[in-house]
Amino acid sequence: MSNIPRKEYPRPQFVRENWMNLNGTWAFEIDNGRSGEARGLQKVGTALSGEITVPFCPESELSGVQHTDFMYGVWYKRTVTVTEKQLKGRAVLHFGAVDYCAKVFVNGKLAGTHKGGYVSFEFDVTALLKAGENEIAVYAEDNTRDRLIPSGKQSEQYNSYGCFYTRTTGIWQTVWLEFTPKAYISRVQYYPNITAGTVTVTAELVGTANLTATASFEGKEMGSYTAENACGTHTFTIKLSEKHLWDVGCGNLYDVAFAFGEDNVTSYFGLREVRLDGHKFRINGRSVFQRLVLDQGFYPDGIYTAPSDEALENDIKLSLAVGFNGARLHEKIFEERFLYHADRLGYIVWGEFPNWGLDSSYADSVYGILPEWTEEIRRDFNHPAIVGWCPYNETWDTDGRKQFDDALDIVYRATKALDPTRPCIDTSGNYHVATDIFCVHDYEQNPEIFKEHYDKLMTEGTLFDNHAHRQTYKGEATFVSEYGGIQWSQDESGWGYGTGPKTEEEFLTRFKGLTDALLDNSEMFGLCYTQLTDVEQEQNGLYTYQRKPKFDPAFFHGVLSRKAAIED
């Protein structure tokens, strides 16, 4: 697999050895008329007109296509050879993400469809494959101008503008085949208990077989569980012989080896707890100040897709180098490899959804978020790095129509039902409806005025809010979940918030003043600075789009790393 792009195993928290990476060269064709199926493009042997390098979207340089105009339909094709031995059990075709509606054919027959451009999905294709050569065809439809399709920061205009950037169409994460026995583990979910030193596991099993789960830490066994003739949804608890807490900057991970009949899966979990306590956000019982940065997950050469696994890890290391301890994963569902590196490095993150593009002023907008959002929570539940959920960001009114509040309420309630272990912010910034945390966005550039805004939380118990006419602060835990955005442009077309500083000294002084105002606030549990890197024309990052530091990272690290007023 040396010449295959993004060749690493795409799902580090649920690993099987018997798999086949399908990234690389595929046949490709744009189908703006969306007539390909009627023309028989799904049929075996029907040629497509071009080529593409998967998993990079056709808009990207790394795809080899670099077509940046609107594409309403795209087709992919490739052949894959499997053996009789591989087909003795079960063959599953996996997609990391396909934007937006995917239709998959194997040897000309429909394998399945999926709606949602950001989450992973799979199809059992055992019955459609044969020993020898097989043809896979994928058709994807997308329309960033459709009010029911969430598209995050993808531009609905021809060009990028403001805080909207190059679009992503079709396949943009790894495609892979996996082979399992007929009796297999479908999924596991972890519930760690730091007080008892245990982990409770719910395993979803298909078929009946003996089940063994062995937990270890740095190679040393910590506990195990065995059950004969296990089946269905099977819940059990492992008492851990030693406690090693997962914490900020300390990504302690327990490994777990599962054996279910002939099926073997390796996994991991973190022993940690998060909870709100008044205005404090506690991790493992300790008040932790969240020094977050806005990370939008865009890359100059891959757009939504990192060029390498190392690039994913490097973005976290860049953030740590300037003193942040975590990130809002903004307007995008990040791939599982990123979350794996966050888990390893003790880097806290908020799981968010790309709700922009979805018109939340209509009641039916709930259909554009809830199905995919619940898939995201289900996929990413086990990652200890995720300390909270935020399904919406800045739910503005549209053409005079107010946001449909009940949609936000429904999504919040569904989130809490699916995951009662983490707090949920209904919509970051505005307009809050039902939320565990009342956060605000404030791009005031004058540090003195900014400080005055939030000192009143300490002296009067009131929270400064630009949207107080639409939402009411009731004393919830709070933080400024977007601030800064200080412009430092590489060209005249670049922009940031407010008036950009004229000198480096002015930039650094402004950054420190704004940040100190939040670190010194005893009623604030965190901050989130906009942003980690420039993205295309939005040039307000601490790094350029090419990941080069604009200033000495040590300065920012010095500002951010001192103890905050709310911390224990």
Protein backbone atom coordinates (compact mmCIF):
# COMPACT_ATOMS: atom_id res chain seq x y z
CA MET A 1 0.00 0.00 0.00
CA SER A 2 3.04 2.28 -0.28
CA ASN A 3 1.59 4.34 -3.15
CA ILE A 4 -1.89 4.65 -1.70
CA PRO A 5 -2.75 8.11 -0.30
CA ARG A 6 -4.00 8.18 3.27
CA LYS A 7 -3.05 4.53 3.66
CA GLU A 8 -3.41 4.38 7.47
CA TYR A 9 -6.28 2.45 9.07
CA PRO A 10 -9.15 4.95 9.17
CA ARG A 11 -10.89 3.84 12.39
CA PRO A 12 -8.28 3.55 15.20
CA GLN A 13 -10.81 2.91 17.96
CA PHE A 14 -12.20 -0.25 16.35
CA VAL A 15 -9.45 -2.05 14.44
CA ARG A 16 -9.52 -5.31 12.49
CA GLU A 17 -6.45 -6.64 10.69
CA ASN A 18 -8.28 -8.03 7.67
CA TRP A 19 -8.99 -4.96 5.52
CA MET A 20 -8.22 -3.43 2.13
CA ASN A 21 -7.62 0.28 1.49
CA LEU A 22 -9.39 1.40 -1.70
CA ASN A 23 -7.86 4.86 -1.93
CA GLY A 24 -5.93 5.78 -5.05
CA THR A 25 -6.88 6.18 -8.69
CA TRP A 26 -10.56 5.81 -9.58
CA ALA A 27 -12.36 6.58 -12.83
CA PHE A 28 -14.36 9.80 -12.46
CA GLU A 29 -16.98 11.86 -14.25
CA ILE A 30 -18.99 14.99 -13.45
CA ASP A 31 -22.73 14.50 -13.96
CA ASN A 32 -24.37 17.91 -13.56
CA GLY A 33 -27.47 16.66 -15.37
CA ARG A 34 -27.75 13.89 -12.77
CA SER A 35 -28.62 11.52 -15.60
CA GLY A 36 -25.79 9.03 -15.16
CA GLU A 37 -27.92 6.19 -13.84
CA ALA A 38 -30.36 6.60 -16.73
CA ARG A 39 -27.36 6.44 -19.07
CA GLY A 40 -26.15 3.27 -17.37
CA LEU A 41 -22.97 4.57 -15.71
CA GLN A 42 -23.55 2.16 -12.84
CA LYS A 43 -23.37 -0.85 -15.15
CA VAL A 44 -20.27 -3.03 -15.25
CA GLY A 45 -17.88 -2.04 -18.00
CA THR A 46 -19.37 1.39 -18.68
CA ALA A 47 -16.43 3.77 -18.84
CA LEU A 48 -16.17 7.15 -17.16
CA SER A 49 -14.46 10.06 -18.91
CA GLY A 50 -11.76 10.97 -16.40
CA GLU A 51 -9.73 10.01 -13.33
CA ILE A 52 -9.45 11.16 -9.73
CA THR A 53 -7.27 10.39 -6.72
CA VAL A 54 -9.46 9.23 -3.82
CA PRO A 55 -9.98 10.30 -1.01
CA PHE A 56 -9.49 13.89 -2.15
CA CYS A 57 -12.51 15.86 -3.37
CA PRO A 58 -12.55 16.90 -7.04
CA GLU A 59 -12.21 20.58 -6.07
CA SER A 60 -8.81 19.90 -4.50
CA GLU A 61 -5.35 20.00 -6.02
CA LEU A 62 -4.51 16.57 -4.56
CA SER A 63 -7.44 14.96 -6.42
CA GLY A 64 -5.82 15.72 -9.77
CA VAL A 65 -9.12 17.22 -10.97
CA GLN A 66 -9.22 20.68 -9.34
CA HIS A 67 -12.66 21.57 -10.73
CA THR A 68 -14.00 24.32 -8.46
CA ASP A 69 -17.28 25.16 -10.16
CA PHE A 70 -20.54 23.67 -8.88
CA MET A 71 -20.90 19.92 -9.32
CA TYR A 72 -24.39 18.58 -8.67
CA GLY A 73 -23.53 14.97 -9.42
CA VAL A 74 -20.28 12.98 -9.64
CA TRP A 75 -19.47 9.36 -10.47
CA TYR A 76 -16.59 7.14 -9.35
CA LYS A 77 -15.55 3.67 -10.48
CA ARG A 78 -12.82 1.17 -9.77
CA THR A 79 -12.24 -2.58 -9.76
CA VAL A 80 -11.18 -4.62 -6.76
CA THR A 81 -10.04 -8.24 -6.57
CA VAL A 82 -11.13 -10.44 -3.67
CA THR A 83 -10.47 -14.11 -2.91
CA GLU A 84 -12.70 -17.05 -2.05
CA LYS A 85 -11.20 -17.03 1.44
CA GLN A 86 -12.16 -13.39 1.99
CA LEU A 87 -15.75 -14.15 1.02
CA LYS A 88 -16.19 -17.04 3.46
CA GLY A 89 -17.38 -14.63 6.12
CA ARG A 90 -18.69 -11.13 5.65
CA ALA A 91 -17.42 -8.32 3.39
CA VAL A 92 -18.20 -4.72 4.33
CA LEU A 93 -17.65 -1.65 2.16
CA HIS A 94 -16.84 1.45 4.27
CA PHE A 95 -16.87 5.15 3.40
CA GLY A 96 -15.31 7.70 5.74
CA ALA A 97 -17.50 10.45 4.27
CA VAL A 98 -19.24 11.30 0.98
CA ASP A 99 -20.82 14.72 0.46
CA TYR A 100 -23.82 14.62 0.26
CA CYS A 101 -26.16 11.85 -0.97
CA ALA A 102 -24.33 8.65 -1.92
CA LYS A 103 -25.55 5.74 -4.00
CA VAL A 104 -23.24 2.72 -4.15
CA PHE A 105 -23.28 -0.11 -6.71
CA VAL A 106 -21.27 -3.34 -6.66
CA ASN A 107 -21.09 -5.26 -9.93
CA GLY A 108 -23.95 -3.14 -11.26
CA LYS A 109 -26.31 -3.86 -8.35
CA LEU A 110 -27.36 -1.37 -5.69
CA ALA A 111 -25.51 -1.91 -2.41
CA GLY A 112 -27.18 0.95 -0.57
CA THR A 113 -27.70 4.69 -0.21
CA HIS A 114 -26.68 7.20 2.45
CA LYS A 115 -27.61 10.83 3.10
CA GLY A 116 -25.20 13.04 5.03
CA GLY A 117 -21.91 14.50 3.86
CA TYR A 118 -19.84 14.23 7.03
CA VAL A 119 -20.33 10.91 8.83
CA SER A 120 -19.06 7.43 8.09
CA PHE A 121 -21.28 4.68 6.70
CA GLU A 122 -20.98 1.10 5.49
CA PHE A 123 -22.76 -1.56 3.45
CA ASP A 124 -22.60 -5.34 3.74
CA VAL A 125 -21.66 -6.33 0.18
CA THR A 126 -20.98 -10.03 0.76
CA ALA A 127 -23.80 -11.16 -1.52
CA LEU A 128 -22.76 -8.76 -4.30
CA LEU A 129 -19.08 -9.72 -4.51
CA LYS A 130 -17.55 -12.69 -6.29
CA ALA A 131 -14.12 -14.24 -6.14
CA GLY A 132 -11.92 -12.42 -8.63
CA GLU A 133 -12.45 -8.98 -10.11
CA ASN A 134 -15.37 -6.79 -9.02
CA GLU A 135 -16.48 -3.31 -10.02
CA ILE A 136 -17.54 -0.65 -7.50
CA ALA A 137 -19.42 2.44 -8.66
CA VAL A 138 -20.29 5.42 -6.46
CA TYR A 139 -22.64 8.23 -7.37
CA ALA A 140 -22.83 11.36 -5.19
CA GLU A 141 -25.24 14.29 -5.40
CA ASP A 142 -24.64 17.60 -3.66
CA ASN A 143 -26.17 21.07 -3.70
CA THR A 144 -24.80 23.65 -1.29
CA ARG A 145 -27.68 25.97 -2.24
CA ASP A 146 -30.33 23.54 -0.98
CA ARG A 147 -31.79 24.90 2.28
CA LEU A 148 -32.12 21.36 3.68
CA ILE A 149 -28.49 20.41 3.09
CA PRO A 150 -26.01 21.41 5.80
CA SER A 151 -22.77 22.49 4.15
CA GLY A 152 -20.79 24.21 6.89
CA LYS A 153 -18.34 26.76 5.51
CA GLN A 154 -18.71 25.70 1.84
CA SER A 155 -19.48 28.67 -0.38
CA GLU A 156 -22.89 28.85 -2.03
CA GLN A 157 -21.44 31.40 -4.45
CA TYR A 158 -19.08 30.63 -7.31
CA ASN A 159 -16.10 32.12 -5.47
CA SER A 160 -15.07 31.89 -1.86
CA TYR A 161 -16.03 34.98 0.15
CA GLY A 162 -16.11 36.18 3.75
CA CYS A 163 -15.97 33.11 5.96
CA PHE A 164 -17.11 30.72 3.23
CA TYR A 165 -14.56 28.69 1.33
CA THR A 166 -14.00 26.19 -1.48
CA ARG A 167 -16.67 23.50 -1.69
CA THR A 168 -16.22 19.75 -1.21
CA THR A 169 -18.18 17.33 -3.40
CA GLY A 170 -18.32 13.55 -3.27
CA ILE A 171 -15.80 11.24 -1.61
CA TRP A 172 -13.48 13.04 0.81
CA GLN A 173 -12.42 10.35 3.27
CA THR A 174 -10.96 6.86 2.97
CA VAL A 175 -12.86 4.08 1.19
CA TRP A 176 -12.09 0.57 2.39
CA LEU A 177 -13.21 -3.06 2.40
CA GLU A 178 -13.23 -5.07 5.62
CA PHE A 179 -13.65 -8.80 6.06
CA THR A 180 -15.20 -10.31 9.19
CA PRO A 181 -16.46 -13.72 10.33
CA LYS A 182 -20.20 -14.35 10.14
CA ALA A 183 -20.45 -13.84 13.91
CA TYR A 184 -18.93 -10.46 14.68
CA ILE A 185 -18.83 -7.47 17.01
CA SER A 186 -20.84 -4.65 15.48
CA ARG A 187 -20.02 -1.88 17.98
CA VAL A 188 -18.92 -1.18 21.53
CA GLN A 189 -19.67 1.75 23.84
CA TYR A 190 -17.65 2.64 26.94
CA TYR A 191 -18.82 4.10 30.25
CA PRO A 192 -15.76 4.74 32.45
CA ASN A 193 -16.13 5.33 36.18
CA ILE A 194 -13.15 7.16 37.69
CA THR A 195 -14.34 6.70 41.28
CA ALA A 196 -14.84 2.95 41.09
CA GLY A 197 -11.95 2.42 38.70
CA THR A 198 -14.13 0.48 36.29
CA VAL A 199 -15.28 0.58 32.71
CA THR A 200 -18.70 -0.66 31.69
CA VAL A 201 -18.93 -1.86 28.11
CA THR A 202 -22.01 -2.32 25.96
CA ALA A 203 -21.17 -4.59 23.04
CA GLU A 204 -23.52 -5.06 20.10
CA LEU A 205 -23.01 -8.60 18.83
CA VAL A 206 -24.26 -10.32 15.69
CA GLY A 207 -24.50 -14.09 16.04
CA THR A 208 -23.59 -16.18 19.07
CA ALA A 209 -20.09 -16.98 20.31
CA ASN A 210 -17.83 -16.82 23.35
CA LEU A 211 -16.81 -13.27 24.20
CA THR A 212 -13.58 -12.12 25.85
CA ALA A 213 -12.50 -8.55 26.57
CA THR A 214 -9.07 -7.78 28.01
CA ALA A 215 -8.07 -4.28 29.14
CA SER A 216 -4.42 -3.28 29.41
CA PHE A 217 -2.35 -0.17 30.06
CA GLU A 218 1.06 0.24 28.41
CA GLY A 219 1.15 -3.51 27.80
CA LYS A 220 0.20 -4.58 31.33
CA GLU A 221 -3.13 -6.35 31.82
CA MET A 222 -5.60 -4.33 33.91
CA GLY A 223 -8.64 -6.63 33.92
CA SER A 224 -10.73 -8.89 31.74
CA TYR A 225 -14.17 -10.36 31.17
CA THR A 226 -15.38 -13.61 29.61
CA ALA A 227 -18.86 -14.82 28.68
CA GLU A 228 -19.95 -18.03 26.97
CA ASN A 229 -22.52 -17.97 24.17
CA ALA A 230 -22.86 -14.20 24.20
CA CYS A 231 -25.27 -12.56 21.76
CA GLY A 232 -27.31 -9.45 21.10
CA THR A 233 -26.61 -6.38 23.22
CA HIS A 234 -24.23 -7.55 25.92
CA THR A 235 -23.27 -5.26 28.84
CA PHE A 236 -20.50 -6.00 31.33
CA THR A 237 -18.09 -4.22 33.68
CA ILE A 238 -14.33 -4.63 34.02
CA LYS A 239 -12.70 -3.72 37.32
CA LEU A 240 -9.36 -2.08 36.51
CA SER A 241 -6.44 -3.07 38.73
CA GLU A 242 -4.82 0.36 38.33
CA LYS A 243 -6.26 3.84 37.74
CA HIS A 244 -4.64 5.92 35.01
CA LEU A 245 -6.81 8.96 34.35
CA TRP A 246 -7.07 10.53 30.91
CA ASP A 247 -6.59 14.26 31.39
CA VAL A 248 -5.77 17.50 29.63
CA GLY A 249 -2.26 17.15 28.24
CA CYS A 250 -2.09 13.57 29.49
CA GLY A 251 -3.68 11.22 26.99
CA ASN A 252 -3.60 8.04 29.06
CA LEU A 253 -5.41 5.35 27.08
CA TYR A 254 -6.34 1.81 28.05
CA ASP A 255 -6.15 -0.71 25.23
CA VAL A 256 -8.89 -3.31 24.88
CA ALA A 257 -8.66 -6.57 22.95
CA PHE A 258 -11.98 -8.19 22.06
CA ALA A 259 -12.44 -11.77 20.86
CA PHE A 260 -15.90 -12.90 19.78
CA GLY A 261 -15.63 -16.37 18.29
CA GLU A 262 -13.27 -15.85 15.35
CA ASP A 263 -13.72 -12.07 15.30
CA ASN A 264 -10.88 -10.04 16.84
CA VAL A 265 -11.05 -6.28 17.42
CA THR A 266 -8.62 -3.95 19.17
CA SER A 267 -9.86 -0.75 20.73
CA TYR A 268 -9.13 1.78 23.47
CA PHE A 269 -10.83 4.07 25.99
CA GLY A 270 -9.94 6.85 28.39
CA LEU A 271 -10.75 6.81 32.10
CA ARG A 272 -12.13 10.32 32.61
CA GLU A 273 -15.21 12.23 33.73
CA VAL A 274 -16.59 15.62 32.70
CA ARG A 275 -19.30 17.58 34.50
CA LEU A 276 -20.54 21.08 35.17
CA ASP A 277 -20.45 22.43 38.72
CA GLY A 278 -22.01 25.86 38.84
CA HIS A 279 -19.81 28.01 36.59
CA LYS A 280 -16.96 25.49 36.68
CA PHE A 281 -16.25 22.83 34.08
CA ARG A 282 -14.71 19.89 35.90
CA ILE A 283 -12.58 17.19 34.33
CA ASN A 284 -11.95 14.33 36.76
CA GLY A 285 -13.30 16.57 39.52
CA ARG A 286 -10.83 19.39 38.86
CA SER A 287 -11.87 22.82 37.58
CA VAL A 288 -10.17 23.18 34.19
CA PHE A 289 -10.02 26.36 32.13
CA GLN A 290 -10.59 25.50 28.49
CA ARG A 291 -8.08 27.34 26.32
CA LEU A 292 -9.70 26.54 22.99
CA VAL A 293 -8.99 27.61 19.45
CA LEU A 294 -11.34 27.60 16.48
CA ASP A 295 -10.16 24.88 14.08
CA GLN A 296 -12.02 24.71 10.75
CA GLY A 297 -10.16 21.72 9.33
CA PHE A 298 -9.34 23.15 5.88
CA TYR A 299 -6.15 22.44 3.92
CA PRO A 300 -4.75 24.36 0.91
CA ASP A 301 -4.14 21.21 -1.16
CA GLY A 302 -6.85 18.87 0.15
CA ILE A 303 -9.66 21.30 1.15
CA TYR A 304 -11.63 19.17 3.66
CA THR A 305 -9.10 16.31 3.55
CA ALA A 306 -5.72 16.45 5.26
CA PRO A 307 -2.94 15.44 2.85
CA SER A 308 -1.58 12.94 5.38
CA ASP A 309 -2.18 11.49 8.81
CA GLU A 310 0.84 13.46 9.99
CA ALA A 311 -0.91 16.68 8.92
CA LEU A 312 -3.84 15.89 11.20
CA GLU A 313 -1.53 15.33 14.16
CA ASN A 314 0.51 18.40 13.28
CA ASP A 315 -2.52 20.71 13.53
CA ILE A 316 -2.95 19.63 17.15
CA LYS A 317 0.75 20.14 17.83
CA LEU A 318 0.60 23.61 16.27
CA SER A 319 -2.24 24.46 18.62
CA LEU A 320 -0.42 23.11 21.66
CA ALA A 321 2.70 25.06 20.68
CA VAL A 322 0.88 28.38 21.06
CA GLY A 323 -0.68 27.37 24.38
CA PHE A 324 -4.15 26.09 23.58
CA ASN A 325 -5.31 22.88 25.27
CA GLY A 326 -8.15 22.11 22.91
CA ALA A 327 -10.38 23.23 20.05
CA ARG A 328 -13.85 23.81 18.78
CA LEU A 329 -13.96 21.55 15.70
CA HIS A 330 -15.85 24.20 13.83
CA GLU A 331 -18.66 23.70 11.28
CA LYS A 332 -17.33 20.28 10.30
CA ILE A 333 -17.36 16.70 11.57
CA PHE A 334 -13.69 15.81 11.79
CA GLU A 335 -12.46 12.40 10.71
CA GLU A 336 -11.79 9.69 13.27
CA ARG A 337 -8.02 9.85 12.78
CA PHE A 338 -8.00 13.44 14.07
CA LEU A 339 -9.99 12.42 17.14
CA TYR A 340 -7.55 9.55 17.71
CA HIS A 341 -4.62 11.98 17.82
CA ALA A 342 -6.59 14.25 20.17
CA ASP A 343 -7.20 11.24 22.42
CA ARG A 344 -3.50 10.33 22.41
CA LEU A 345 -2.29 13.86 23.09
CA GLY A 346 -4.80 14.79 25.78
CA TYR A 347 -6.29 17.52 23.58
CA ILE A 348 -9.87 18.46 24.50
CA VAL A 349 -12.37 19.13 21.70
CA TRP A 350 -16.02 19.94 21.16
CA GLY A 351 -17.89 17.80 18.66
CA GLU A 352 -19.83 20.11 16.37
CA PHE A 353 -21.99 19.92 13.25
CA PRO A 354 -21.78 21.89 9.96
CA ASN A 355 -25.23 23.42 10.37
CA TRP A 356 -24.54 26.45 8.16
CA GLY A 357 -26.29 26.11 4.83
CA LEU A 358 -29.25 24.59 6.64
CA ASP A 359 -32.10 27.10 6.89
CA SER A 360 -33.09 26.82 10.55
CA SER A 361 -36.06 29.16 10.12
CA TYR A 362 -38.13 26.27 8.76
CA ALA A 363 -39.58 23.49 10.91
CA ASP A 364 -38.47 20.83 8.44
CA SER A 365 -34.84 21.86 8.92
CA VAL A 366 -34.71 19.29 11.72
CA TYR A 367 -34.61 16.61 9.01
CA GLY A 368 -31.40 18.15 7.69
CA ILE A 369 -29.55 17.78 10.99
CA LEU A 370 -31.04 15.22 13.38
CA PRO A 371 -30.37 11.98 11.44
CA GLU A 372 -26.73 12.82 10.70
CA TRP A 373 -26.14 14.41 14.11
CA THR A 374 -27.28 11.24 15.88
CA GLU A 375 -24.94 9.25 13.63
CA GLU A 376 -22.09 11.53 14.68
CA ILE A 377 -22.79 11.06 18.39
CA ARG A 378 -23.03 7.31 17.91
CA ARG A 379 -19.75 7.18 15.95
CA ASP A 380 -17.71 9.43 18.24
CA PHE A 381 -19.20 8.69 21.67
CA ASN A 382 -16.12 6.78 22.91
CA HIS A 383 -13.51 9.47 22.31
CA PRO A 384 -12.31 10.83 25.67
CA ALA A 385 -11.04 14.00 23.95
CA ILE A 386 -14.62 15.07 23.21
CA VAL A 387 -15.81 16.94 26.31
CA GLY A 388 -19.06 18.32 24.91
CA TRP A 389 -21.42 18.55 21.96
CA CYS A 390 -22.57 21.59 19.98
CA PRO A 391 -24.98 20.78 17.12
CA TYR A 392 -25.56 24.38 15.96
CA ASN A 393 -23.44 27.50 15.51
CA GLU A 394 -24.89 31.02 15.19
CA THR A 395 -28.40 30.18 14.07
CA TRP A 396 -29.20 33.46 12.40
CA ASP A 397 -32.64 34.42 11.15
CA THR A 398 -33.14 34.14 7.39
CA ASP A 399 -34.85 36.73 5.18
CA GLY A 400 -36.79 38.07 8.13
CA ARG A 401 -37.82 34.60 9.33
CA LYS A 402 -36.77 33.78 12.89
CA GLN A 403 -35.06 30.50 13.69
CA PHE A 404 -37.53 27.70 14.45
CA ASP A 405 -36.81 27.30 18.16
CA ASP A 406 -38.45 23.89 18.48
CA ALA A 407 -35.93 22.37 16.07
CA LEU A 408 -33.04 23.42 18.33
CA ASP A 409 -34.94 22.16 21.36
CA ILE A 410 -35.54 18.75 19.73
CA VAL A 411 -31.89 18.37 18.75
CA TYR A 412 -30.72 19.37 22.24
CA ARG A 413 -33.06 16.84 23.87
CA ALA A 414 -32.01 14.08 21.47
CA THR A 415 -28.36 14.83 22.25
CA LYS A 416 -28.93 14.53 25.99
CA ALA A 417 -30.86 11.28 25.51
CA LEU A 418 -28.07 9.76 23.40
CA ASP A 419 -25.27 11.00 25.65
CA PRO A 420 -26.08 12.07 29.22
CA THR A 421 -22.35 12.01 30.10
CA ARG A 422 -21.40 15.28 28.36
CA PRO A 423 -22.80 18.83 28.38
CA CYS A 424 -24.50 20.14 25.24
CA ILE A 425 -24.52 23.69 23.87
CA ASP A 426 -27.57 24.02 21.65
CA THR A 427 -26.15 26.77 19.43
CA SER A 428 -22.83 28.48 19.92
CA GLY A 429 -23.29 32.23 20.29
CA ASN A 430 -26.92 32.66 19.27
CA TYR A 431 -29.80 32.12 19.60
CA HIS A 432 -29.94 29.84 22.67
CA VAL A 433 -33.13 27.88 23.28
CA ALA A 434 -32.28 24.93 25.56
CA THR A 435 -28.68 24.57 26.64
CA ASP A 436 -26.38 23.39 29.43
CA ILE A 437 -23.92 26.22 28.72
CA PHE A 438 -24.75 29.80 27.72
CA CYS A 439 -21.85 30.91 25.53
CA VAL A 440 -21.44 34.16 23.62
CA HIS A 441 -19.39 35.43 20.67
CA ASP A 442 -17.71 38.81 20.95
CA TYR A 443 -15.27 40.29 18.41
CA GLU A 444 -14.73 43.57 20.25
CA GLN A 445 -11.14 44.54 19.44
CA ASN A 446 -10.50 47.02 22.26
CA PRO A 447 -9.20 45.03 25.28
CA GLU A 448 -10.44 47.62 27.81
CA ILE A 449 -14.01 47.59 26.47
CA PHE A 450 -13.87 43.80 26.15
CA LYS A 451 -12.82 43.47 29.79
CA GLU A 452 -15.60 45.78 30.95
CA HIS A 453 -18.11 43.56 29.14
CA TYR A 454 -17.29 40.50 31.21
CA ASP A 455 -16.17 41.96 34.54
CA LYS A 456 -19.88 42.54 35.19
CA LEU A 457 -20.32 38.77 35.37
CA MET A 458 -18.14 38.83 38.49
CA THR A 459 -19.47 42.03 40.04
CA GLU A 460 -23.15 41.96 39.09
CA GLY A 461 -23.81 38.39 37.88
CA THR A 462 -24.86 39.72 34.48
CA LEU A 463 -23.45 38.50 31.19
CA PHE A 464 -22.75 40.92 28.35
CA ASP A 465 -24.62 39.66 25.30
CA ASN A 466 -25.07 41.29 21.91
CA HIS A 467 -28.23 39.23 21.46
CA ALA A 468 -29.93 39.83 24.82
CA HIS A 469 -33.08 40.89 22.96
CA ARG A 470 -33.45 37.30 21.70
CA GLN A 471 -31.98 35.13 24.44
CA THR A 472 -31.90 35.28 28.23
CA TYR A 473 -28.96 34.42 30.45
CA LYS A 474 -30.17 32.56 33.54
CA GLY A 475 -26.89 32.02 35.36
CA GLU A 476 -25.67 29.00 33.40
CA ALA A 477 -21.98 28.12 33.11
CA THR A 478 -20.52 30.29 30.39
CA PHE A 479 -17.53 31.18 28.24
CA VAL A 480 -16.75 33.36 25.24
CA SER A 481 -16.78 30.70 22.55
CA GLU A 482 -15.50 33.07 19.83
CA TYR A 483 -13.32 36.14 20.27
CA GLY A 484 -10.25 37.75 18.74
CA GLY A 485 -10.11 37.06 15.02
CA ILE A 486 -7.40 39.71 14.82
CA GLN A 487 -6.49 40.39 11.21
CA TRP A 488 -2.92 39.88 10.06
CA SER A 489 -3.23 39.51 6.30
CA GLN A 490 -0.77 38.15 3.79
CA ASP A 491 -2.43 40.07 0.96
CA GLU A 492 -4.94 42.86 0.40
CA SER A 493 -7.83 40.46 -0.14
CA GLY A 494 -7.47 38.99 3.33
CA TRP A 495 -9.74 40.00 6.18
CA GLY A 496 -10.22 39.64 9.91
CA TYR A 497 -12.54 41.15 12.50
CA GLY A 498 -12.50 44.87 13.20
CA THR A 499 -9.60 47.09 12.27
CA GLY A 500 -6.35 45.19 11.92
CA PRO A 501 -3.32 46.27 13.97
CA LYS A 502 -0.63 48.24 12.18
CA THR A 503 2.37 46.66 13.91
CA GLU A 504 3.36 43.32 15.38
CA GLU A 505 3.56 44.93 18.83
CA GLU A 506 -0.02 46.18 18.48
CA PHE A 507 -1.19 42.70 17.47
CA LEU A 508 0.49 41.01 20.43
CA THR A 509 -0.71 43.64 22.91
CA ARG A 510 -4.27 43.28 21.67
CA PHE A 511 -4.13 39.48 21.85
CA LYS A 512 -2.83 39.58 25.41
CA GLY A 513 -5.35 42.17 26.58
CA LEU A 514 -8.34 40.30 25.16
CA THR A 515 -7.13 36.95 26.49
CA ASP A 516 -6.19 38.23 29.95
CA ALA A 517 -9.73 39.59 30.36
CA LEU A 518 -11.07 36.03 30.16
CA LEU A 519 -8.29 34.26 32.05
CA ASP A 520 -8.79 36.68 34.96
CA ASN A 521 -12.56 36.22 35.05
CA SER A 522 -13.43 33.94 37.97
CA GLU A 523 -16.87 33.15 36.49
CA MET A 524 -15.64 32.06 33.02
CA PHE A 525 -14.61 28.45 32.45
CA GLY A 526 -12.96 28.98 29.09
CA LEU A 527 -12.30 30.87 25.88
CA CYS A 528 -12.12 30.09 22.19
CA TYR A 529 -9.87 32.21 19.99
CA THR A 530 -10.60 32.71 16.29
CA GLN A 531 -8.60 31.04 14.81
CA LEU A 532 -5.76 28.49 14.47
CA THR A 533 -4.86 29.06 10.80
CA ASP A 534 -5.91 31.33 8.00
CA VAL A 535 -8.42 29.76 5.65
CA GLU A 536 -8.26 31.15 2.13
CA GLN A 537 -9.32 34.83 2.32
CA GLU A 538 -10.08 34.76 6.06
CA GLN A 539 -6.64 35.70 7.36
CA ASN A 540 -7.02 36.01 11.09
CA GLY A 541 -5.19 32.85 12.15
CA LEU A 542 -2.14 32.63 14.36
CA TYR A 543 -0.67 30.54 11.53
CA THR A 544 -0.91 31.03 7.79
CA TYR A 545 -2.99 28.67 5.67
CA GLN A 546 0.29 26.85 4.92
CA ARG A 547 0.76 26.31 8.70
CA LYS A 548 3.60 28.82 9.11
CA PRO A 549 3.66 30.86 12.37
CA LYS A 550 3.01 34.58 11.90
CA PHE A 551 4.66 35.44 15.22
CA ASP A 552 6.77 33.66 17.82
CA PRO A 553 4.58 30.84 19.22
CA ALA A 554 6.30 31.22 22.59
CA PHE A 555 4.59 34.58 23.13
CA PHE A 556 1.09 33.13 22.80
CA HIS A 557 2.06 30.11 24.90
CA GLY A 558 3.21 32.46 27.64
CA VAL A 559 -0.05 34.39 27.60
CA LEU A 560 -2.30 31.34 27.59
CA SER A 561 -0.48 28.96 29.91
CA ARG A 562 -0.72 30.88 33.17
CA LYS A 563 -3.30 29.81 35.73
CA ALA A 564 -6.83 31.09 35.15
CA ALA A 565 -8.92 32.59 37.94
CA ILE A 566 -11.51 29.78 37.89
CA GLU A 567 -9.00 26.94 38.00
CA ASP A 568 -8.35 24.93 41.16
